Every structure is written in structure tokens, then in C-alpha cells.
C-alpha atoms as a PDB file:
ATOM      1  CA  UNK A   1      19.660 -28.944  28.451  1.00  0.00           C
ATOM      2  CA  UNK A   2      15.780 -29.019  29.039  1.00  0.00           C
ATOM      3  CA  UNK A   3      16.205 -25.717  31.077  1.00  0.00           C
ATOM      4  CA  UNK A   4      17.867 -23.869  27.788  1.00  0.00           C
ATOM      5  CA  UNK A   5      15.373 -25.298  25.487  1.00  0.00           C
ATOM      6  CA  UNK A   6      12.651 -24.251  27.867  1.00  0.00           C
ATOM      7  CA  UNK A   7      14.529 -20.662  28.356  1.00  0.00           C
ATOM      8  CA  UNK A   8      14.730 -20.595  24.362  1.00  0.00           C
ATOM      9  CA  UNK A   9      11.398 -21.014  23.649  1.00  0.00           C
ATOM     10  CA  UNK A  10      10.034 -18.689  26.401  1.00  0.00           C
ATOM     11  CA  UNK A  11      12.190 -15.927  24.704  1.00  0.00           C
ATOM     12  CA  UNK A  12      10.717 -17.204  21.045  1.00  0.00           C
ATOM     13  CA  UNK A  13       6.683 -16.603  22.730  1.00  0.00           C
ATOM     14  CA  UNK A  14       8.381 -13.392  24.065  1.00  0.00           C
ATOM     15  CA  UNK A  15       9.431 -11.737  20.537  1.00  0.00           C
ATOM     16  CA  UNK A  16       6.346 -13.290  18.501  1.00  0.00           C
ATOM     17  CA  UNK A  17       4.044 -11.186  21.480  1.00  0.00           C
ATOM     18  CA  UNK A  18       6.401  -7.962  20.958  1.00  0.00           C
ATOM     19  CA  UNK A  19       6.317  -8.434  17.502  1.00  0.00           C
ATOM     20  CA  UNK A  20       2.123  -8.648  17.655  1.00  0.00           C
ATOM     21  CA  UNK A  21       2.354  -6.051  19.834  1.00  0.00           C
ATOM     22  CA  UNK A  22       3.605  -3.449  17.545  1.00  0.00           C
ATOM     23  CA  UNK A  23       2.146  -4.373  14.484  1.00  0.00           C
ATOM     24  CA  UNK A  24      -1.157  -3.715  16.577  1.00  0.00           C
ATOM     25  CA  UNK A  25      -0.263  -0.581  17.580  1.00  0.00           C
ATOM     26  CA  UNK A  26       0.738   0.454  14.008  1.00  0.00           C
ATOM     27  CA  UNK A  27      -2.232  -0.686  12.327  1.00  0.00           C
ATOM     28  CA  UNK A  28      -4.186   1.440  15.032  1.00  0.00           C
ATOM     29  CA  UNK A  29      -2.242   4.556  14.063  1.00  0.00           C
ATOM     30  CA  UNK A  30      -2.897   4.280  10.683  1.00  0.00           C
ATOM     31  CA  UNK A  31      -6.345   4.164  11.510  1.00  0.00           C
ATOM     32  CA  UNK A  32      -6.351   6.812  12.621  1.00  0.00           C
ATOM     33  CA  UNK A  33      -5.023   8.763   9.907  1.00  0.00           C
ATOM     34  CA  UNK A  34      -7.544   7.233   7.736  1.00  0.00           C
ATOM     35  CA  UNK A  35     -10.717   9.352   6.668  1.00  0.00           C
ATOM     36  CA  UNK A  36     -13.459   7.756   8.386  1.00  0.00           C
ATOM     37  CA  UNK A  37     -15.077   6.685   5.411  1.00  0.00           C
ATOM     38  CA  UNK A  38     -11.960   5.831   3.462  1.00  0.00           C
ATOM     39  CA  UNK A  39     -11.971   2.537   1.177  1.00  0.00           C
ATOM     40  CA  UNK A  40      -9.571   0.471   0.634  1.00  0.00           C
ATOM     41  CA  UNK A  41      -8.005   0.534  -3.233  1.00  0.00           C
ATOM     42  CA  UNK A  42      -5.843  -2.240  -4.400  1.00  0.00           C
ATOM     43  CA  UNK A  43      -4.853  -3.903  -7.259  1.00  0.00           C
ATOM     44  CA  UNK A  44      -2.048  -4.076 -10.137  1.00  0.00           C
ATOM     45  CA  UNK A  45       0.111  -1.847 -11.688  1.00  0.00           C
ATOM     46  CA  UNK A  46       1.843  -2.029 -15.270  1.00  0.00           C
ATOM     47  CA  UNK A  47       3.241   0.688 -18.049  1.00  0.00           C
ATOM     48  CA  UNK A  48       1.575   0.680 -21.139  1.00  0.00           C
ATOM     49  CA  UNK A  49       2.969  -2.004 -23.293  1.00  0.00           C
ATOM     50  CA  UNK A  50       5.271  -2.664 -20.874  1.00  0.00           C
ATOM     51  CA  UNK A  51       5.491  -5.189 -17.589  1.00  0.00           C
ATOM     52  CA  UNK A  52       4.353  -4.698 -14.307  1.00  0.00           C
ATOM     53  CA  UNK A  53       6.121  -2.117 -12.491  1.00  0.00           C
ATOM     54  CA  UNK A  54       7.364  -3.048  -9.527  1.00  0.00           C
ATOM     55  CA  UNK A  55       8.694  -1.295  -6.831  1.00  0.00           C
ATOM     56  CA  UNK A  56       7.515   1.896  -8.310  1.00  0.00           C
ATOM     57  CA  UNK A  57       6.251   4.561  -6.314  1.00  0.00           C
ATOM     58  CA  UNK A  58       2.920   5.963  -7.445  1.00  0.00           C
ATOM     59  CA  UNK A  59       1.558   9.201  -6.350  1.00  0.00           C
ATOM     60  CA  UNK A  60      -2.139   9.572  -6.207  1.00  0.00           C
ATOM     61  CA  UNK A  61      -3.918  13.181  -5.445  1.00  0.00           C
ATOM     62  CA  UNK A  62      -7.817  13.889  -6.177  1.00  0.00           C
ATOM     63  CA  UNK A  63     -10.041  16.762  -4.020  1.00  0.00           C
ATOM     64  CA  UNK A  64     -10.425  14.605  -1.018  1.00  0.00           C
ATOM     65  CA  UNK A  65      -6.641  13.971  -0.827  1.00  0.00           C
ATOM     66  CA  UNK A  66      -3.185  12.991  -1.666  1.00  0.00           C
ATOM     67  CA  UNK A  67      -1.054  10.088  -1.097  1.00  0.00           C
ATOM     68  CA  UNK A  68       1.057   7.479  -1.625  1.00  0.00           C
ATOM     69  CA  UNK A  69       1.979   4.276  -2.326  1.00  0.00           C
ATOM     70  CA  UNK A  70       4.854   1.957  -3.033  1.00  0.00           C
ATOM     71  CA  UNK A  71       3.977  -1.326  -5.394  1.00  0.00           C
ATOM     72  CA  UNK A  72       5.577  -4.486  -4.144  1.00  0.00           C
ATOM     73  CA  UNK A  73       7.722  -7.129  -6.259  1.00  0.00           C
ATOM     74  CA  UNK A  74       4.653  -8.393  -8.202  1.00  0.00           C
ATOM     75  CA  UNK A  75       3.586  -4.628  -9.098  1.00  0.00           C
ATOM     76  CA  UNK A  76       0.304  -5.044  -6.652  1.00  0.00           C
ATOM     77  CA  UNK A  77      -0.486  -2.063  -4.641  1.00  0.00           C
ATOM     78  CA  UNK A  78      -3.094  -1.287  -1.468  1.00  0.00           C
ATOM     79  CA  UNK A  79      -3.925   2.357  -0.485  1.00  0.00           C
ATOM     80  CA  UNK A  80      -6.733   3.492   1.520  1.00  0.00           C
ATOM     81  CA  UNK A  81      -8.423   6.734   0.359  1.00  0.00           C
ATOM     82  CA  UNK A  82     -11.271   8.713   1.047  1.00  0.00           C
ATOM     83  CA  UNK A  83     -13.953   8.423  -1.272  1.00  0.00           C
ATOM     84  CA  UNK A  84     -13.575  10.486  -4.376  1.00  0.00           C
ATOM     85  CA  UNK A  85     -11.560  10.061  -8.229  1.00  0.00           C
ATOM     86  CA  UNK A  86      -7.681  10.524  -7.674  1.00  0.00           C
ATOM     87  CA  UNK A  87      -5.214  10.944 -10.567  1.00  0.00           C
ATOM     88  CA  UNK A  88      -2.468   8.255 -10.123  1.00  0.00           C
ATOM     89  CA  UNK A  89       1.170   9.504 -11.153  1.00  0.00           C
ATOM     90  CA  UNK A  90       4.779   7.800 -11.687  1.00  0.00           C
ATOM     91  CA  UNK A  91       7.525   9.546 -12.517  1.00  0.00           C
ATOM     92  CA  UNK A  92       9.960   7.045 -14.230  1.00  0.00           C
ATOM     93  CA  UNK A  93      13.498   6.982 -14.338  1.00  0.00           C
ATOM     94  CA  UNK A  94      14.397   8.280 -16.888  1.00  0.00           C
ATOM     95  CA  UNK A  95      12.005  11.048 -16.168  1.00  0.00           C
ATOM     96  CA  UNK A  96       8.925  10.012 -18.665  1.00  0.00           C
ATOM     97  CA  UNK A  97       5.990  10.523 -16.882  1.00  0.00           C
ATOM     98  CA  UNK A  98       2.841   8.364 -17.065  1.00  0.00           C
ATOM     99  CA  UNK A  99      -0.469   9.135 -15.689  1.00  0.00           C
ATOM    100  CA  UNK A 100      -4.160   7.214 -14.761  1.00  0.00           C
ATOM    101  CA  UNK A 101      -7.333   8.144 -13.082  1.00  0.00           C
ATOM    102  CA  UNK A 102      -8.320   5.646  -9.980  1.00  0.00           C
ATOM    103  CA  UNK A 103     -11.650   6.414  -7.668  1.00  0.00           C
ATOM    104  CA  UNK A 104     -12.462   5.140  -4.094  1.00  0.00           C
ATOM    105  CA  UNK A 105     -15.585   4.477  -2.342  1.00  0.00           C
ATOM    106  CA  UNK A 106     -16.136   3.651   1.360  1.00  0.00           C
ATOM    107  CA  UNK A 107     -15.731  -0.032   0.483  1.00  0.00           C
ATOM    108  CA  UNK A 108     -12.852  -2.476  -0.925  1.00  0.00           C
ATOM    109  CA  UNK A 109     -12.285  -2.109  -4.536  1.00  0.00           C
ATOM    110  CA  UNK A 110      -9.942  -3.589  -6.894  1.00  0.00           C
ATOM    111  CA  UNK A 111      -8.787  -1.198  -9.818  1.00  0.00           C
ATOM    112  CA  UNK A 112      -5.650  -2.940 -12.030  1.00  0.00           C
ATOM    113  CA  UNK A 113      -3.532   0.342 -12.883  1.00  0.00           C
ATOM    114  CA  UNK A 114      -2.783   1.002 -16.785  1.00  0.00           C
ATOM    115  CA  UNK A 115      -0.209   3.793 -17.011  1.00  0.00           C
ATOM    116  CA  UNK A 116      -0.188   5.812 -19.704  1.00  0.00           C
ATOM    117  CA  UNK A 117       2.358   8.411 -21.187  1.00  0.00           C
ATOM    118  CA  UNK A 118       1.283  12.205 -20.557  1.00  0.00           C
END
């Protein structure tokens, strides 16, 4: 019984170490894809006159680049962008188009987005 418990603890620790190594490798690969001056922009997303935008995919475009991010269940987002002004767009399931302006700087910046219909 003791050997079984030791073996199970070893397997659990090995899985955890593997997950950590995968997470570190993924984080490093993401860092290599982000411009050196990129800033983290984060906040909450909602549609004008409506509730939070949960699990919505937002496209962000500007002179400094283009990106895409999906909000979480609470309507929060986080994206790394090179410094500059961006237009954020959301296309609703019924074909509605929503738009907002955001900015990015070299450091982290909270910007809550309220999309307005185009």
C-alpha cells in the first residue's frame, strides 16, 4: 500500500512538472511573437446598452499591427499590442457590427471597452 501511494505521488508530481514546463515553453514562444515595446491592454468588454460580452472574439487593428482576443466568461480581456491607437471590432451573431477605440502603451493599461453599433 505504501509503495502504491509513493508511486501515485511521484506520478502526480511528474504531471505537474510537465505542465509547468509546457506553460513556460508556451509563455516564451508567445513573448518571442510580441514586439519588444508591446504593452498589455486589459479590461472589461460590454455592448452599449447591454450586458458584458462573454466569450466574444474581438479583432483589433491599427497602424502598429493587428490582433484578435476572446473575452472570458465574465467579459474580461487581455491582449499585448505594440504602442499605438487601435480600432476594436466585434461582429455579433446576427450580423450586427460593433466598434470602439483603444490605445496601447509600453506598460500595462486598463481599458474597459463599451462597443457602440457602427
